Amino acid sequence: MDEYFHFIVENLDVQDIQFLRMLSNDGANAKYKALLSAKAFEKSGLSEAKYRNVIIRLGAVRFIEVNTTSKEHSLFINGYGKKALAIIFDKQ
């Protein structure tokens, strides 16, 4: 299972890593600290299509979570996303 996790981490692209780093740097690491989706989109500097692609991809591998309890959805990085960032930056 550990090999699979490393395989997923190695196949993240630059936008995925930048988005994970942005959430981490903004302190969006828990449901109550989540960053509003509109604000995350603005901060990311990505096109709308690329933003949606990144959100879908990171959500599918469970590196981020979407808080849907309020009208405006918000995003936060979870433990797997933090571990992925640690692995990426340990290799550099």
Protein backbone atom coordinates (compact mmCIF):
# COMPACT_ATOMS: atom_id res chain seq x y z
CA MET A 1 0.00 0.00 0.00
CA ASP A 2 2.90 2.31 0.75
CA GLU A 3 4.21 1.79 -2.79
CA TYR A 4 0.85 2.84 -4.22
CA PHE A 5 0.87 6.05 -2.15
CA HIS A 6 4.36 6.90 -3.44
CA PHE A 7 3.23 6.13 -6.99
CA ILE A 8 0.33 8.59 -6.64
CA VAL A 9 2.62 11.27 -5.16
CA GLU A 10 5.18 10.85 -7.95
CA ASN A 11 2.46 11.36 -10.58
CA LEU A 12 1.16 14.67 -9.25
CA ASP A 13 1.73 17.52 -11.66
CA VAL A 14 3.02 21.00 -10.86
CA GLN A 15 -0.45 22.54 -10.47
CA ASP A 16 -1.48 19.80 -8.02
CA ILE A 17 1.58 20.40 -5.87
CA GLN A 18 1.18 24.18 -5.99
CA PHE A 19 -2.47 23.88 -4.98
CA LEU A 20 -1.65 21.56 -2.05
CA ARG A 21 1.08 23.95 -0.97
CA MET A 22 -1.26 26.94 -1.20
CA LEU A 23 -3.84 25.25 1.04
CA SER A 24 -1.14 24.24 3.49
CA ASN A 25 0.42 27.71 3.59
CA ASP A 26 -2.99 29.33 4.13
CA GLY A 27 -3.62 27.07 7.11
CA ALA A 28 -6.59 25.35 5.45
CA ASN A 29 -5.89 22.05 7.17
CA ALA A 30 -9.19 21.36 8.91
CA LYS A 31 -12.88 21.65 8.11
CA TYR A 32 -13.31 24.76 10.25
CA LYS A 33 -10.24 26.39 8.64
CA ALA A 34 -11.23 25.55 5.08
CA LEU A 35 -10.66 28.08 2.31
CA LEU A 36 -13.72 29.15 0.32
CA SER A 37 -13.64 27.67 -3.17
CA ALA A 38 -13.99 31.06 -4.85
CA LYS A 39 -11.05 32.42 -2.85
CA ALA A 40 -8.98 29.31 -3.58
CA PHE A 41 -9.70 29.72 -7.29
CA GLU A 42 -8.62 33.37 -7.16
CA LYS A 43 -5.42 32.60 -5.24
CA SER A 44 -4.50 29.66 -7.44
CA GLY A 45 -4.15 31.75 -10.60
CA LEU A 46 -5.35 28.81 -12.68
CA SER A 47 -7.90 28.88 -15.46
CA GLU A 48 -11.34 27.66 -14.46
CA ALA A 49 -10.93 24.41 -16.40
CA LYS A 50 -7.50 23.68 -14.89
CA TYR A 51 -8.78 24.60 -11.39
CA ARG A 52 -11.66 22.14 -11.69
CA ASN A 53 -9.31 19.48 -13.02
CA VAL A 54 -6.95 19.94 -10.04
CA ILE A 55 -9.82 19.85 -7.53
CA ILE A 56 -11.27 16.70 -9.06
CA ARG A 57 -7.90 14.96 -9.25
CA LEU A 58 -6.82 15.86 -5.68
CA GLY A 59 -10.25 14.99 -4.33
CA ALA A 60 -10.20 11.62 -6.10
CA VAL A 61 -6.92 10.63 -4.46
CA ARG A 62 -8.21 12.04 -1.15
CA PHE A 63 -5.45 14.64 -0.68
CA ILE A 64 -8.02 17.40 -0.21
CA GLU A 65 -11.56 17.45 1.11
CA VAL A 66 -14.50 19.63 0.17
CA ASN A 67 -16.65 21.03 2.95
CA THR A 68 -20.19 21.11 1.59
CA THR A 69 -22.00 21.99 4.83
CA SER A 70 -22.48 25.62 3.86
CA LYS A 71 -23.88 27.27 0.75
CA GLU A 72 -20.39 28.13 -0.50
CA HIS A 73 -18.13 25.09 -0.68
CA SER A 74 -14.71 25.29 0.88
CA LEU A 75 -11.55 23.21 0.54
CA PHE A 76 -8.90 21.96 2.91
CA ILE A 77 -5.86 19.72 2.81
CA ASN A 78 -6.08 16.55 4.89
CA GLY A 79 -3.45 14.27 6.43
CA TYR A 80 -2.77 12.43 3.19
CA GLY A 81 -2.18 15.71 1.37
CA LYS A 82 0.19 16.87 4.10
CA LYS A 83 2.08 13.57 3.91
CA ALA A 84 2.31 13.91 0.12
CA LEU A 85 3.80 17.40 0.47
CA ALA A 86 6.31 16.14 3.03
CA ILE A 87 7.41 13.38 0.66
CA ILE A 88 7.73 15.79 -2.26
CA PHE A 89 9.80 18.34 -0.34
CA ASP A 90 11.99 15.70 1.31
CA LYS A 91 13.08 14.58 -2.16
CA GLN A 92 14.20 18.06 -3.16
